[in-house]
Amino acid sequence: MSPMILEVQDLMLGYSEGPEFGPLSFEIGAGEAFALVGESGSGKSTLAFELMDVLKFKGGKRSRGTVKLRCHRNEVAYIPQDPAAALDPLFTIGDHIRELGCSESAIRRVLEKVNLPLENMSLKSYPHELSGGMLQRFLIGMALVRAPRLLIADEPTSSLDVVHQAQIMRLFHRVRTEAISILYITHNVPLAMDLCPRMAVFYQGRIVEMGSSPEIYRDPQHEFTKRLFRAVPSLEVS
């Protein structure tokens, strides 16, 4: 068993107005890609905010439970659902790169990894002038510049067409080869199964099923999981 990068035990989360989510318990191994799969509005992003220690700034709180992170907070990177909303529209791409505070050589290496070499980009472009796929690759590059040990990807392909989804998933497979742990939050079952050997199924703020992705797909136990997988086109599972 690989050492754990993240351990969540009996976690209850909520906002000042609205229901609590939980209890939640799961763990992610070092270098593991782990999927959290569920419908929109079930609380997946709320969990991501708590893992990054920013839920309190969004009006939420933890009422009980523990989060054990086996790395420093600045070694956790986050990739949001909407790349355009995550970037300052008044800053050029060059401005955003300079805000990273890293050497040009380090930035150049990472951008080449995500197929965005500086030579092919206009650093004077504003975010709205780039395609959705380019913006998402740029955000992944920004997240990787500081060499994170845990990458939280919150619905990172939901705003992209299938061609750009495939490009982004190839990038995540490449990230896995670098021993970076990934928490992949999504409602897209095929993409979760493609990337993650293990998954947890999230429903109404609770984890209702967790284990091997192929085994859960073959023999789902919870009624929500059965409905979720019935809505998915037929998959070949090895």
C-alpha atoms as a PDB file:
ATOM      1  CA  MET A   1       0.000   0.000   0.000  1.00  0.00           C
ATOM      2  CA  SER A   2       1.452   3.362  -1.009  1.00  0.00           C
ATOM      3  CA  PRO A   3       1.722   6.115   1.644  1.00  0.00           C
ATOM      4  CA  MET A   4      -1.278   8.399   1.846  1.00  0.00           C
ATOM      5  CA  ILE A   5      -1.163  11.979   0.582  1.00  0.00           C
ATOM      6  CA  LEU A   6      -4.664  12.753   1.916  1.00  0.00           C
ATOM      7  CA  GLU A   7      -6.870  11.186   4.602  1.00  0.00           C
ATOM      8  CA  VAL A   8     -10.402  12.447   5.250  1.00  0.00           C
ATOM      9  CA  GLN A   9     -12.275  11.082   8.260  1.00  0.00           C
ATOM     10  CA  ASP A  10     -15.905  11.649   9.305  1.00  0.00           C
ATOM     11  CA  LEU A  11     -16.036  15.083   7.667  1.00  0.00           C
ATOM     12  CA  MET A  12     -19.175  17.218   7.931  1.00  0.00           C
ATOM     13  CA  LEU A  13     -19.360  20.460   5.930  1.00  0.00           C
ATOM     14  CA  GLY A  14     -21.966  23.114   5.347  1.00  0.00           C
ATOM     15  CA  TYR A  15     -22.866  26.743   4.833  1.00  0.00           C
ATOM     16  CA  SER A  16     -24.627  29.183   7.139  1.00  0.00           C
ATOM     17  CA  GLU A  17     -27.783  28.598   5.125  1.00  0.00           C
ATOM     18  CA  GLY A  18     -28.453  25.162   3.701  1.00  0.00           C
ATOM     19  CA  PRO A  19     -27.883  21.486   4.533  1.00  0.00           C
ATOM     20  CA  GLU A  20     -24.673  19.903   5.726  1.00  0.00           C
ATOM     21  CA  PHE A  21     -22.671  17.487   3.578  1.00  0.00           C
ATOM     22  CA  GLY A  22     -21.295  14.258   4.976  1.00  0.00           C
ATOM     23  CA  PRO A  23     -20.089  12.378   6.831  1.00  0.00           C
ATOM     24  CA  LEU A  24     -17.226  11.813   4.362  1.00  0.00           C
ATOM     25  CA  SER A  25     -14.323   9.421   4.761  1.00  0.00           C
ATOM     26  CA  PHE A  26     -11.793   8.497   2.064  1.00  0.00           C
ATOM     27  CA  GLU A  27      -8.068   8.521   1.367  1.00  0.00           C
ATOM     28  CA  ILE A  28      -5.807   9.106  -1.617  1.00  0.00           C
ATOM     29  CA  GLY A  29      -2.439   7.438  -1.990  1.00  0.00           C
ATOM     30  CA  ALA A  30       0.732   9.183  -3.100  1.00  0.00           C
ATOM     31  CA  GLY A  31       0.740   9.274  -6.899  1.00  0.00           C
ATOM     32  CA  GLU A  32      -2.836   7.941  -7.130  1.00  0.00           C
ATOM     33  CA  ALA A  33      -5.605   9.319  -9.330  1.00  0.00           C
ATOM     34  CA  PHE A  34      -8.880   9.085  -7.415  1.00  0.00           C
ATOM     35  CA  ALA A  35     -12.287  10.107  -8.800  1.00  0.00           C
ATOM     36  CA  LEU A  36     -15.172  11.678  -6.927  1.00  0.00           C
ATOM     37  CA  VAL A  37     -18.189  11.105  -9.170  1.00  0.00           C
ATOM     38  CA  GLY A  38     -21.639  12.581  -8.675  1.00  0.00           C
ATOM     39  CA  GLU A  39     -24.386  14.821  -9.925  1.00  0.00           C
ATOM     40  CA  SER A  40     -24.109  18.606 -10.032  1.00  0.00           C
ATOM     41  CA  GLY A  41     -24.995  20.295  -6.755  1.00  0.00           C
ATOM     42  CA  SER A  42     -24.205  17.259  -4.615  1.00  0.00           C
ATOM     43  CA  GLY A  43     -21.409  19.007  -2.689  1.00  0.00           C
ATOM     44  CA  LYS A  44     -18.304  17.892  -4.573  1.00  0.00           C
ATOM     45  CA  SER A  45     -16.936  21.425  -5.016  1.00  0.00           C
ATOM     46  CA  THR A  46     -17.698  22.242  -1.368  1.00  0.00           C
ATOM     47  CA  LEU A  47     -15.405  19.379  -0.401  1.00  0.00           C
ATOM     48  CA  ALA A  48     -12.700  20.707  -2.747  1.00  0.00           C
ATOM     49  CA  PHE A  49     -12.906  24.140  -1.093  1.00  0.00           C
ATOM     50  CA  GLU A  50     -12.466  22.576   2.343  1.00  0.00           C
ATOM     51  CA  LEU A  51      -9.461  20.532   1.216  1.00  0.00           C
ATOM     52  CA  MET A  52      -7.851  23.763   0.021  1.00  0.00           C
ATOM     53  CA  ASP A  53      -8.757  25.480   3.318  1.00  0.00           C
ATOM     54  CA  VAL A  54     -10.824  28.184   1.601  1.00  0.00           C
ATOM     55  CA  LEU A  55     -14.371  27.055   2.490  1.00  0.00           C
ATOM     56  CA  LYS A  56     -14.487  29.462   5.435  1.00  0.00           C
ATOM     57  CA  PHE A  57     -13.873  32.371   3.054  1.00  0.00           C
ATOM     58  CA  LYS A  58     -16.911  31.275   1.044  1.00  0.00           C
ATOM     59  CA  GLY A  59     -19.241  31.299   4.039  1.00  0.00           C
ATOM     60  CA  GLY A  60     -18.918  27.602   4.836  1.00  0.00           C
ATOM     61  CA  LYS A  61     -17.523  25.668   7.773  1.00  0.00           C
ATOM     62  CA  ARG A  62     -16.475  22.249   9.000  1.00  0.00           C
ATOM     63  CA  SER A  63     -18.632  21.065  11.896  1.00  0.00           C
ATOM     64  CA  ARG A  64     -16.675  17.897  12.584  1.00  0.00           C
ATOM     65  CA  GLY A  65     -14.107  15.487  11.199  1.00  0.00           C
ATOM     66  CA  THR A  66     -10.460  15.665  10.184  1.00  0.00           C
ATOM     67  CA  VAL A  67      -8.442  16.316   7.040  1.00  0.00           C
ATOM     68  CA  LYS A  68      -4.875  14.999   7.168  1.00  0.00           C
ATOM     69  CA  LEU A  69      -2.788  16.363   4.336  1.00  0.00           C
ATOM     70  CA  ARG A  70       0.654  14.763   4.030  1.00  0.00           C
ATOM     71  CA  CYS A  71       2.148  17.738   2.223  1.00  0.00           C
ATOM     72  CA  HIS A  72       2.298  21.505   2.650  1.00  0.00           C
ATOM     73  CA  ARG A  73      -0.733  23.561   1.635  1.00  0.00           C
ATOM     74  CA  ASN A  74       1.299  25.293  -1.074  1.00  0.00           C
ATOM     75  CA  GLU A  75       1.886  21.847  -2.627  1.00  0.00           C
ATOM     76  CA  VAL A  76      -1.843  21.545  -3.373  1.00  0.00           C
ATOM     77  CA  ALA A  77      -2.966  22.954  -6.740  1.00  0.00           C
ATOM     78  CA  TYR A  78      -6.505  23.508  -7.977  1.00  0.00           C
ATOM     79  CA  ILE A  79      -7.935  23.450 -11.504  1.00  0.00           C
ATOM     80  CA  PRO A  80     -11.434  24.975 -11.679  1.00  0.00           C
ATOM     81  CA  GLN A  81     -14.365  24.110 -13.889  1.00  0.00           C
ATOM     82  CA  ASP A  82     -14.491  27.386 -15.808  1.00  0.00           C
ATOM     83  CA  PRO A  83     -11.034  28.524 -16.983  1.00  0.00           C
ATOM     84  CA  ALA A  84     -12.275  31.894 -18.236  1.00  0.00           C
ATOM     85  CA  ALA A  85     -13.746  32.764 -14.838  1.00  0.00           C
ATOM     86  CA  ALA A  86     -10.511  31.773 -13.074  1.00  0.00           C
ATOM     87  CA  LEU A  87      -8.370  34.309 -14.928  1.00  0.00           C
ATOM     88  CA  ASP A  88      -8.478  38.082 -14.577  1.00  0.00           C
ATOM     89  CA  PRO A  89     -10.007  39.355 -17.840  1.00  0.00           C
ATOM     90  CA  LEU A  90      -7.992  42.590 -17.546  1.00  0.00           C
ATOM     91  CA  PHE A  91      -4.660  40.725 -17.375  1.00  0.00           C
ATOM     92  CA  THR A  92      -2.909  39.456 -20.478  1.00  0.00           C
ATOM     93  CA  ILE A  93      -1.561  35.913 -20.628  1.00  0.00           C
ATOM     94  CA  GLY A  94       1.891  37.410 -20.058  1.00  0.00           C
ATOM     95  CA  ASP A  95       0.623  39.231 -16.953  1.00  0.00           C
ATOM     96  CA  HIS A  96      -0.717  35.978 -15.526  1.00  0.00           C
ATOM     97  CA  ILE A  97       2.596  34.232 -16.197  1.00  0.00           C
ATOM     98  CA  ARG A  98       4.555  36.982 -14.462  1.00  0.00           C
ATOM     99  CA  GLU A  99       2.225  36.721 -11.443  1.00  0.00           C
ATOM    100  CA  LEU A 100       3.487  33.175 -10.896  1.00  0.00           C
ATOM    101  CA  GLY A 101       6.811  34.566  -9.703  1.00  0.00           C
ATOM    102  CA  CYS A 102       8.763  31.678 -11.230  1.00  0.00           C
ATOM    103  CA  SER A 103      11.704  31.717 -13.586  1.00  0.00           C
ATOM    104  CA  GLU A 104      10.983  31.938 -17.294  1.00  0.00           C
ATOM    105  CA  SER A 105      12.782  28.643 -17.878  1.00  0.00           C
ATOM    106  CA  ALA A 106      10.553  26.842 -15.346  1.00  0.00           C
ATOM    107  CA  ILE A 107       7.419  28.350 -16.879  1.00  0.00           C
ATOM    108  CA  ARG A 108       8.602  27.515 -20.391  1.00  0.00           C
ATOM    109  CA  ARG A 109       9.196  23.853 -19.449  1.00  0.00           C
ATOM    110  CA  VAL A 110       5.739  23.469 -17.928  1.00  0.00           C
ATOM    111  CA  LEU A 111       3.920  25.203 -20.781  1.00  0.00           C
ATOM    112  CA  GLU A 112       5.673  22.920 -23.248  1.00  0.00           C
ATOM    113  CA  LYS A 113       4.395  19.942 -21.219  1.00  0.00           C
ATOM    114  CA  VAL A 114       0.828  21.127 -21.757  1.00  0.00           C
ATOM    115  CA  ASN A 115       1.451  21.799 -25.460  1.00  0.00           C
ATOM    116  CA  LEU A 116       1.516  25.581 -25.131  1.00  0.00           C
ATOM    117  CA  PRO A 117       5.080  26.602 -26.025  1.00  0.00           C
ATOM    118  CA  LEU A 118       5.666  30.316 -25.510  1.00  0.00           C
ATOM    119  CA  GLU A 119       6.748  30.666 -29.119  1.00  0.00           C
ATOM    120  CA  ASN A 120       3.223  29.710 -30.251  1.00  0.00           C
ATOM    121  CA  MET A 121       1.405  32.056 -27.890  1.00  0.00           C
ATOM    122  CA  SER A 122       0.887  35.778 -27.896  1.00  0.00           C
ATOM    123  CA  LEU A 123       1.657  36.920 -24.375  1.00  0.00           C
ATOM    124  CA  LYS A 124      -0.301  40.072 -25.195  1.00  0.00           C
ATOM    125  CA  SER A 125      -3.516  38.082 -25.655  1.00  0.00           C
ATOM    126  CA  TYR A 126      -6.307  38.390 -23.096  1.00  0.00           C
ATOM    127  CA  PRO A 127      -8.081  35.282 -21.754  1.00  0.00           C
ATOM    128  CA  HIS A 128     -11.195  35.835 -23.886  1.00  0.00           C
ATOM    129  CA  GLU A 129      -9.015  35.683 -27.012  1.00  0.00           C
ATOM    130  CA  LEU A 130      -7.956  32.076 -26.345  1.00  0.00           C
ATOM    131  CA  SER A 131     -10.050  28.990 -27.005  1.00  0.00           C
ATOM    132  CA  GLY A 132     -11.515  27.018 -24.114  1.00  0.00           C
ATOM    133  CA  GLY A 133      -9.047  24.206 -24.677  1.00  0.00           C
ATOM    134  CA  MET A 134      -6.064  26.562 -24.672  1.00  0.00           C
ATOM    135  CA  LEU A 135      -7.311  28.273 -21.512  1.00  0.00           C
ATOM    136  CA  GLN A 136      -7.724  24.971 -19.692  1.00  0.00           C
ATOM    137  CA  ARG A 137      -4.254  23.811 -20.757  1.00  0.00           C
ATOM    138  CA  PHE A 138      -2.892  27.161 -19.586  1.00  0.00           C
ATOM    139  CA  LEU A 139      -4.529  26.722 -16.163  1.00  0.00           C
ATOM    140  CA  ILE A 140      -3.124  23.198 -15.873  1.00  0.00           C
ATOM    141  CA  GLY A 141       0.299  24.606 -16.726  1.00  0.00           C
ATOM    142  CA  MET A 142      -0.064  27.314 -14.073  1.00  0.00           C
ATOM    143  CA  ALA A 143      -1.070  24.655 -11.534  1.00  0.00           C
ATOM    144  CA  LEU A 144       1.984  22.518 -12.375  1.00  0.00           C
ATOM    145  CA  VAL A 145       4.591  25.291 -12.274  1.00  0.00           C
ATOM    146  CA  ARG A 146       5.136  24.979  -8.524  1.00  0.00           C
ATOM    147  CA  ALA A 147       5.415  21.166  -8.697  1.00  0.00           C
ATOM    148  CA  PRO A 148       2.351  20.229  -6.602  1.00  0.00           C
ATOM    149  CA  ARG A 149       2.041  16.902  -4.853  1.00  0.00           C
ATOM    150  CA  LEU A 150      -1.776  16.936  -4.935  1.00  0.00           C
ATOM    151  CA  LEU A 151      -3.810  18.267  -7.861  1.00  0.00           C
ATOM    152  CA  ILE A 152      -7.532  18.894  -7.337  1.00  0.00           C
ATOM    153  CA  ALA A 153      -9.326  19.029 -10.693  1.00  0.00           C
ATOM    154  CA  ASP A 154     -12.932  20.201 -10.328  1.00  0.00           C
ATOM    155  CA  GLU A 155     -14.942  19.300 -13.469  1.00  0.00           C
ATOM    156  CA  PRO A 156     -11.973  20.393 -15.641  1.00  0.00           C
ATOM    157  CA  THR A 157     -13.505  19.303 -18.958  1.00  0.00           C
ATOM    158  CA  SER A 158     -17.191  20.164 -18.515  1.00  0.00           C
ATOM    159  CA  SER A 159     -17.030  23.298 -20.678  1.00  0.00           C
ATOM    160  CA  LEU A 160     -15.066  21.629 -23.505  1.00  0.00           C
ATOM    161  CA  ASP A 161     -16.046  19.698 -26.614  1.00  0.00           C
ATOM    162  CA  VAL A 162     -15.033  16.052 -26.932  1.00  0.00           C
ATOM    163  CA  VAL A 163     -11.873  16.810 -28.930  1.00  0.00           C
ATOM    164  CA  HIS A 164     -10.554  19.202 -26.280  1.00  0.00           C
ATOM    165  CA  GLN A 165     -11.716  16.843 -23.521  1.00  0.00           C
ATOM    166  CA  ALA A 166      -9.476  14.159 -25.033  1.00  0.00           C
ATOM    167  CA  GLN A 167      -6.528  16.587 -25.097  1.00  0.00           C
ATOM    168  CA  ILE A 168      -7.009  17.488 -21.446  1.00  0.00           C
ATOM    169  CA  MET A 169      -7.349  13.847 -20.387  1.00  0.00           C
ATOM    170  CA  ARG A 170      -4.070  13.022 -22.153  1.00  0.00           C
ATOM    171  CA  LEU A 171      -2.463  15.757 -20.062  1.00  0.00           C
ATOM    172  CA  PHE A 172      -3.834  14.259 -16.847  1.00  0.00           C
ATOM    173  CA  HIS A 173      -2.458  10.848 -17.815  1.00  0.00           C
ATOM    174  CA  ARG A 174       0.921  12.512 -18.316  1.00  0.00           C
ATOM    175  CA  VAL A 175       0.634  14.174 -14.884  1.00  0.00           C
ATOM    176  CA  ARG A 176       0.076  10.743 -13.329  1.00  0.00           C
ATOM    177  CA  THR A 177       3.457   9.564 -14.620  1.00  0.00           C
ATOM    178  CA  GLU A 178       5.109  12.295 -12.542  1.00  0.00           C
ATOM    179  CA  ALA A 179       3.912  10.828  -9.217  1.00  0.00           C
ATOM    180  CA  ILE A 180       1.432  13.664  -8.628  1.00  0.00           C
ATOM    181  CA  SER A 181      -1.726  12.625  -6.782  1.00  0.00           C
ATOM    182  CA  ILE A 182      -4.983  13.673  -8.444  1.00  0.00           C
ATOM    183  CA  LEU A 183      -8.441  14.173  -6.971  1.00  0.00           C
ATOM    184  CA  TYR A 184     -10.599  14.196 -10.100  1.00  0.00           C
ATOM    185  CA  ILE A 185     -14.064  15.623  -9.408  1.00  0.00           C
ATOM    186  CA  THR A 186     -16.585  14.986 -12.163  1.00  0.00           C
ATOM    187  CA  HIS A 187     -20.053  13.863 -13.239  1.00  0.00           C
ATOM    188  CA  ASN A 188     -18.535  12.231 -16.339  1.00  0.00           C
ATOM    189  CA  VAL A 189     -18.241   8.511 -15.569  1.00  0.00           C
ATOM    190  CA  PRO A 190     -16.264   7.457 -18.699  1.00  0.00           C
ATOM    191  CA  LEU A 191     -13.600  10.129 -18.092  1.00  0.00           C
ATOM    192  CA  ALA A 192     -13.341   9.170 -14.414  1.00  0.00           C
ATOM    193  CA  MET A 193     -12.905   5.500 -15.281  1.00  0.00           C
ATOM    194  CA  ASP A 194     -10.346   6.299 -17.973  1.00  0.00           C
ATOM    195  CA  LEU A 195      -8.106   8.137 -15.508  1.00  0.00           C
ATOM    196  CA  CYS A 196      -8.803   6.729 -12.059  1.00  0.00           C
ATOM    197  CA  PRO A 197      -8.425   3.118 -10.859  1.00  0.00           C
ATOM    198  CA  ARG A 198     -10.543   3.957  -7.789  1.00  0.00           C
ATOM    199  CA  MET A 199     -13.613   6.117  -7.366  1.00  0.00           C
ATOM    200  CA  ALA A 200     -16.140   7.272  -4.809  1.00  0.00           C
ATOM    201  CA  VAL A 201     -19.743   7.919  -5.825  1.00  0.00           C
ATOM    202  CA  PHE A 202     -21.166  11.081  -4.284  1.00  0.00           C
ATOM    203  CA  TYR A 203     -24.915  11.505  -3.794  1.00  0.00           C
ATOM    204  CA  GLN A 204     -26.752  14.175  -1.798  1.00  0.00           C
ATOM    205  CA  GLY A 205     -23.636  15.095   0.135  1.00  0.00           C
ATOM    206  CA  ARG A 206     -22.577  11.567   1.028  1.00  0.00           C
ATOM    207  CA  ILE A 207     -20.255   8.930  -0.378  1.00  0.00           C
ATOM    208  CA  VAL A 208     -22.599   6.043  -1.153  1.00  0.00           C
ATOM    209  CA  GLU A 209     -20.105   3.720  -2.830  1.00  0.00           C
ATOM    210  CA  MET A 210     -16.316   3.512  -3.056  1.00  0.00           C
ATOM    211  CA  GLY A 211     -13.789   1.093  -4.483  1.00  0.00           C
ATOM    212  CA  SER A 212     -12.282  -0.148  -7.732  1.00  0.00           C
ATOM    213  CA  SER A 213     -13.728   1.798 -10.678  1.00  0.00           C
ATOM    214  CA  PRO A 214     -14.217  -1.293 -12.933  1.00  0.00           C
ATOM    215  CA  GLU A 215     -15.793  -3.280 -10.079  1.00  0.00           C
ATOM    216  CA  ILE A 216     -18.235  -0.508  -9.202  1.00  0.00           C
ATOM    217  CA  TYR A 217     -19.163  -0.202 -12.865  1.00  0.00           C
ATOM    218  CA  ARG A 218     -19.743  -3.942 -13.224  1.00  0.00           C
ATOM    219  CA  ASP A 219     -21.702  -4.355  -9.990  1.00  0.00           C
ATOM    220  CA  PRO A 220     -23.047  -1.067  -8.584  1.00  0.00           C
ATOM    221  CA  GLN A 221     -24.721  -1.435  -5.196  1.00  0.00           C
ATOM    222  CA  HIS A 222     -26.462   1.878  -4.523  1.00  0.00           C
ATOM    223  CA  GLU A 223     -29.582   2.795  -6.491  1.00  0.00           C
ATOM    224  CA  PHE A 224     -28.119   6.176  -7.485  1.00  0.00           C
ATOM    225  CA  THR A 225     -24.979   4.474  -8.841  1.00  0.00           C
ATOM    226  CA  LYS A 226     -27.141   2.102 -10.876  1.00  0.00           C
ATOM    227  CA  ARG A 227     -29.085   5.032 -12.361  1.00  0.00           C
ATOM    228  CA  LEU A 228     -25.869   6.929 -13.026  1.00  0.00           C
ATOM    229  CA  PHE A 229     -24.254   4.056 -14.895  1.00  0.00           C
ATOM    230  CA  ARG A 230     -27.414   3.191 -16.816  1.00  0.00           C
ATOM    231  CA  ALA A 231     -27.222   6.681 -18.318  1.00  0.00           C
ATOM    232  CA  VAL A 232     -23.698   6.027 -19.605  1.00  0.00           C
ATOM    233  CA  PRO A 233     -23.071   4.595 -23.108  1.00  0.00           C
ATOM    234  CA  SER A 234     -21.770   1.036 -23.039  1.00  0.00           C
ATOM    235  CA  LEU A 235     -18.130   0.842 -21.887  1.00  0.00           C
ATOM    236  CA  GLU A 236     -15.581  -1.876 -22.466  1.00  0.00           C
ATOM    237  CA  VAL A 237     -14.075  -2.602 -19.050  1.00  0.00           C
ATOM    238  CA  SER A 238     -10.967  -4.727 -18.828  1.00  0.00           C
END
